[in-house]
Amino acid sequence: MFQTRPLIAVLDDEPQFCKALGRLLKTYGFEVVTFALGAELLAACASRLPNCLLLDLHMPDINGFEVLERLAAQHLRVPVVVITGHDQPGNAERVRALGALDYLLKPLNESQLLAAIGKVIQTV
């Protein structure tokens, strides 16, 4: 039987971070698509939902909180791991209340990242 590789979407406005993360995840057998803008991600979700979304909170157009709100408003069930380099008190609780399944800080620890992806893919 034909099996597709899990699709990981990365939404982050740092091109070098997206490139490096995409390369890393591909070595573990994931299909990876990256987005620099929240609007691009939301448009893409209309045709194919990722198995996991790695979501940066601080974006130039639509921030990560708004992406979570819009996914919920559109009834799009996407397992989300929030990644941020700008941790602030209450952010982890707020994103979890909006549906995120995990919250990681940059710089990312490879084993923690892979464990978080594995955990959220298992919940689908």
C-alpha atoms as a PDB file:
ATOM      1  CA  MET A   1       0.000   0.000   0.000  1.00  0.00           C
ATOM      2  CA  PHE A   2       1.246   3.503  -0.843  1.00  0.00           C
ATOM      3  CA  GLN A   3       1.946   5.707   2.172  1.00  0.00           C
ATOM      4  CA  THR A   4       2.668   9.396   2.065  1.00  0.00           C
ATOM      5  CA  ARG A   5       5.220  10.981   4.320  1.00  0.00           C
ATOM      6  CA  PRO A   6       3.828  13.179   7.111  1.00  0.00           C
ATOM      7  CA  LEU A   7       3.557  16.800   5.989  1.00  0.00           C
ATOM      8  CA  ILE A   8       5.115  19.357   8.317  1.00  0.00           C
ATOM      9  CA  ALA A   9       4.252  23.003   7.645  1.00  0.00           C
ATOM     10  CA  VAL A  10       6.607  25.647   9.004  1.00  0.00           C
ATOM     11  CA  LEU A  11       5.365  29.213   9.411  1.00  0.00           C
ATOM     12  CA  ASP A  12       8.236  31.534  10.269  1.00  0.00           C
ATOM     13  CA  ASP A  13       9.375  34.830   8.768  1.00  0.00           C
ATOM     14  CA  GLU A  14      13.090  33.985   9.117  1.00  0.00           C
ATOM     15  CA  PRO A  15      14.143  32.422   5.768  1.00  0.00           C
ATOM     16  CA  GLN A  16      17.364  30.898   7.115  1.00  0.00           C
ATOM     17  CA  PHE A  17      15.512  29.291  10.015  1.00  0.00           C
ATOM     18  CA  CYS A  18      12.910  27.810   7.632  1.00  0.00           C
ATOM     19  CA  LYS A  19      15.613  26.490   5.326  1.00  0.00           C
ATOM     20  CA  ALA A  20      17.593  24.871   8.134  1.00  0.00           C
ATOM     21  CA  LEU A  21      14.506  23.418   9.798  1.00  0.00           C
ATOM     22  CA  GLY A  22      13.206  22.095   6.475  1.00  0.00           C
ATOM     23  CA  ARG A  23      16.517  20.409   5.747  1.00  0.00           C
ATOM     24  CA  LEU A  24      16.606  18.831   9.216  1.00  0.00           C
ATOM     25  CA  LEU A  25      13.048  17.512   9.045  1.00  0.00           C
ATOM     26  CA  LYS A  26      13.545  16.069   5.552  1.00  0.00           C
ATOM     27  CA  THR A  27      16.440  13.984   6.880  1.00  0.00           C
ATOM     28  CA  TYR A  28      13.925  12.369   9.247  1.00  0.00           C
ATOM     29  CA  GLY A  29      11.589  11.486   6.376  1.00  0.00           C
ATOM     30  CA  PHE A  30       9.066  14.310   6.634  1.00  0.00           C
ATOM     31  CA  GLU A  31       7.663  16.238   3.735  1.00  0.00           C
ATOM     32  CA  VAL A  32       8.155  19.929   4.546  1.00  0.00           C
ATOM     33  CA  VAL A  33       6.534  23.081   3.242  1.00  0.00           C
ATOM     34  CA  THR A  34       7.498  26.507   4.538  1.00  0.00           C
ATOM     35  CA  PHE A  35       5.610  29.786   4.666  1.00  0.00           C
ATOM     36  CA  ALA A  36       6.776  33.303   5.481  1.00  0.00           C
ATOM     37  CA  LEU A  37       3.278  34.750   5.912  1.00  0.00           C
ATOM     38  CA  GLY A  38       0.264  33.565   7.870  1.00  0.00           C
ATOM     39  CA  ALA A  39      -2.071  34.369   4.978  1.00  0.00           C
ATOM     40  CA  GLU A  40      -0.102  32.010   2.711  1.00  0.00           C
ATOM     41  CA  LEU A  41      -0.374  29.193   5.226  1.00  0.00           C
ATOM     42  CA  LEU A  42      -4.101  29.698   5.727  1.00  0.00           C
ATOM     43  CA  ALA A  43      -4.685  29.673   1.960  1.00  0.00           C
ATOM     44  CA  ALA A  44      -2.671  26.459   1.596  1.00  0.00           C
ATOM     45  CA  CYS A  45      -4.675  24.764   4.375  1.00  0.00           C
ATOM     46  CA  ALA A  46      -7.772  25.111   2.224  1.00  0.00           C
ATOM     47  CA  SER A  47      -6.380  22.445  -0.124  1.00  0.00           C
ATOM     48  CA  ARG A  48      -4.257  20.262   2.174  1.00  0.00           C
ATOM     49  CA  LEU A  49      -3.902  20.186   5.943  1.00  0.00           C
ATOM     50  CA  PRO A  50      -0.464  19.441   7.338  1.00  0.00           C
ATOM     51  CA  ASN A  51       0.038  16.655   9.852  1.00  0.00           C
ATOM     52  CA  CYS A  52       1.801  19.209  12.045  1.00  0.00           C
ATOM     53  CA  LEU A  53       2.262  22.970  11.944  1.00  0.00           C
ATOM     54  CA  LEU A  54       5.363  24.532  13.479  1.00  0.00           C
ATOM     55  CA  LEU A  55       4.132  28.043  14.175  1.00  0.00           C
ATOM     56  CA  ASP A  56       6.172  31.108  15.057  1.00  0.00           C
ATOM     57  CA  LEU A  57       4.277  33.621  17.180  1.00  0.00           C
ATOM     58  CA  HIS A  58       5.804  36.866  15.942  1.00  0.00           C
ATOM     59  CA  MET A  59       5.047  37.379  12.250  1.00  0.00           C
ATOM     60  CA  PRO A  60       4.804  40.522  10.103  1.00  0.00           C
ATOM     61  CA  ASP A  61       1.266  40.041   8.767  1.00  0.00           C
ATOM     62  CA  ILE A  62      -0.824  37.707  10.882  1.00  0.00           C
ATOM     63  CA  ASN A  63       0.787  36.727  14.178  1.00  0.00           C
ATOM     64  CA  GLY A  64       0.751  33.196  15.545  1.00  0.00           C
ATOM     65  CA  PHE A  65      -2.122  33.891  17.939  1.00  0.00           C
ATOM     66  CA  GLU A  66      -4.254  35.097  15.024  1.00  0.00           C
ATOM     67  CA  VAL A  67      -3.314  32.053  12.935  1.00  0.00           C
ATOM     68  CA  LEU A  68      -4.531  29.789  15.758  1.00  0.00           C
ATOM     69  CA  GLU A  69      -7.761  31.796  16.027  1.00  0.00           C
ATOM     70  CA  ARG A  70      -8.385  31.647  12.273  1.00  0.00           C
ATOM     71  CA  LEU A  71      -7.702  27.920  12.067  1.00  0.00           C
ATOM     72  CA  ALA A  72     -10.267  27.374  14.828  1.00  0.00           C
ATOM     73  CA  ALA A  73     -12.792  29.741  13.224  1.00  0.00           C
ATOM     74  CA  GLN A  74     -12.480  27.823   9.946  1.00  0.00           C
ATOM     75  CA  HIS A  75     -12.813  24.492  11.820  1.00  0.00           C
ATOM     76  CA  LEU A  76      -9.425  23.356  10.496  1.00  0.00           C
ATOM     77  CA  ARG A  77      -8.013  20.794  12.878  1.00  0.00           C
ATOM     78  CA  VAL A  78      -4.253  21.155  12.534  1.00  0.00           C
ATOM     79  CA  PRO A  79      -1.925  19.864  15.249  1.00  0.00           C
ATOM     80  CA  VAL A  80       0.235  22.859  16.190  1.00  0.00           C
ATOM     81  CA  VAL A  81       3.583  23.205  17.923  1.00  0.00           C
ATOM     82  CA  VAL A  82       4.360  26.836  18.665  1.00  0.00           C
ATOM     83  CA  ILE A  83       7.991  27.899  18.363  1.00  0.00           C
ATOM     84  CA  THR A  84       9.172  31.283  19.537  1.00  0.00           C
ATOM     85  CA  GLY A  85      12.295  33.196  20.314  1.00  0.00           C
ATOM     86  CA  HIS A  86      10.340  35.814  22.249  1.00  0.00           C
ATOM     87  CA  ASP A  87       8.874  34.065  25.252  1.00  0.00           C
ATOM     88  CA  GLN A  88       6.622  36.189  27.425  1.00  0.00           C
ATOM     89  CA  PRO A  89       4.668  35.317  30.569  1.00  0.00           C
ATOM     90  CA  GLY A  90       1.337  33.748  29.701  1.00  0.00           C
ATOM     91  CA  ASN A  91       2.151  32.938  26.071  1.00  0.00           C
ATOM     92  CA  ALA A  92       2.341  29.168  26.604  1.00  0.00           C
ATOM     93  CA  GLU A  93      -1.006  29.115  28.384  1.00  0.00           C
ATOM     94  CA  ARG A  94      -2.612  31.394  25.786  1.00  0.00           C
ATOM     95  CA  VAL A  95      -1.533  29.296  22.781  1.00  0.00           C
ATOM     96  CA  ARG A  96      -2.627  26.094  24.479  1.00  0.00           C
ATOM     97  CA  ALA A  97      -6.038  27.674  25.150  1.00  0.00           C
ATOM     98  CA  LEU A  98      -6.175  28.447  21.429  1.00  0.00           C
ATOM     99  CA  GLY A  99      -5.460  24.810  20.548  1.00  0.00           C
ATOM    100  CA  ALA A 100      -1.673  24.468  20.307  1.00  0.00           C
ATOM    101  CA  LEU A 101      -0.417  21.147  21.599  1.00  0.00           C
ATOM    102  CA  ASP A 102       3.119  22.191  22.517  1.00  0.00           C
ATOM    103  CA  TYR A 103       5.258  25.291  23.047  1.00  0.00           C
ATOM    104  CA  LEU A 104       8.990  25.334  22.320  1.00  0.00           C
ATOM    105  CA  LEU A 105      11.603  28.056  22.633  1.00  0.00           C
ATOM    106  CA  LYS A 106      14.259  28.974  20.090  1.00  0.00           C
ATOM    107  CA  PRO A 107      16.948  27.941  19.696  1.00  0.00           C
ATOM    108  CA  LEU A 108      15.284  24.588  19.200  1.00  0.00           C
ATOM    109  CA  ASN A 109      16.643  21.423  20.722  1.00  0.00           C
ATOM    110  CA  GLU A 110      16.503  18.776  17.983  1.00  0.00           C
ATOM    111  CA  SER A 111      15.372  15.922  20.235  1.00  0.00           C
ATOM    112  CA  GLN A 112      12.661  18.062  21.884  1.00  0.00           C
ATOM    113  CA  LEU A 113      11.442  19.204  18.468  1.00  0.00           C
ATOM    114  CA  LEU A 114      11.238  15.661  17.119  1.00  0.00           C
ATOM    115  CA  ALA A 115       9.504  14.458  20.287  1.00  0.00           C
ATOM    116  CA  ALA A 116       6.935  17.275  20.015  1.00  0.00           C
ATOM    117  CA  ILE A 117       6.260  16.500  16.347  1.00  0.00           C
ATOM    118  CA  GLY A 118       5.926  12.803  17.112  1.00  0.00           C
ATOM    119  CA  LYS A 119       3.531  13.535  19.953  1.00  0.00           C
ATOM    120  CA  VAL A 120       1.232  15.752  17.936  1.00  0.00           C
ATOM    121  CA  ILE A 121       1.227  13.439  14.909  1.00  0.00           C
ATOM    122  CA  GLN A 122       0.151  10.599  17.219  1.00  0.00           C
ATOM    123  CA  THR A 123      -2.871  12.629  18.360  1.00  0.00           C
ATOM    124  CA  VAL A 124      -4.257  12.963  14.835  1.00  0.00           C
END
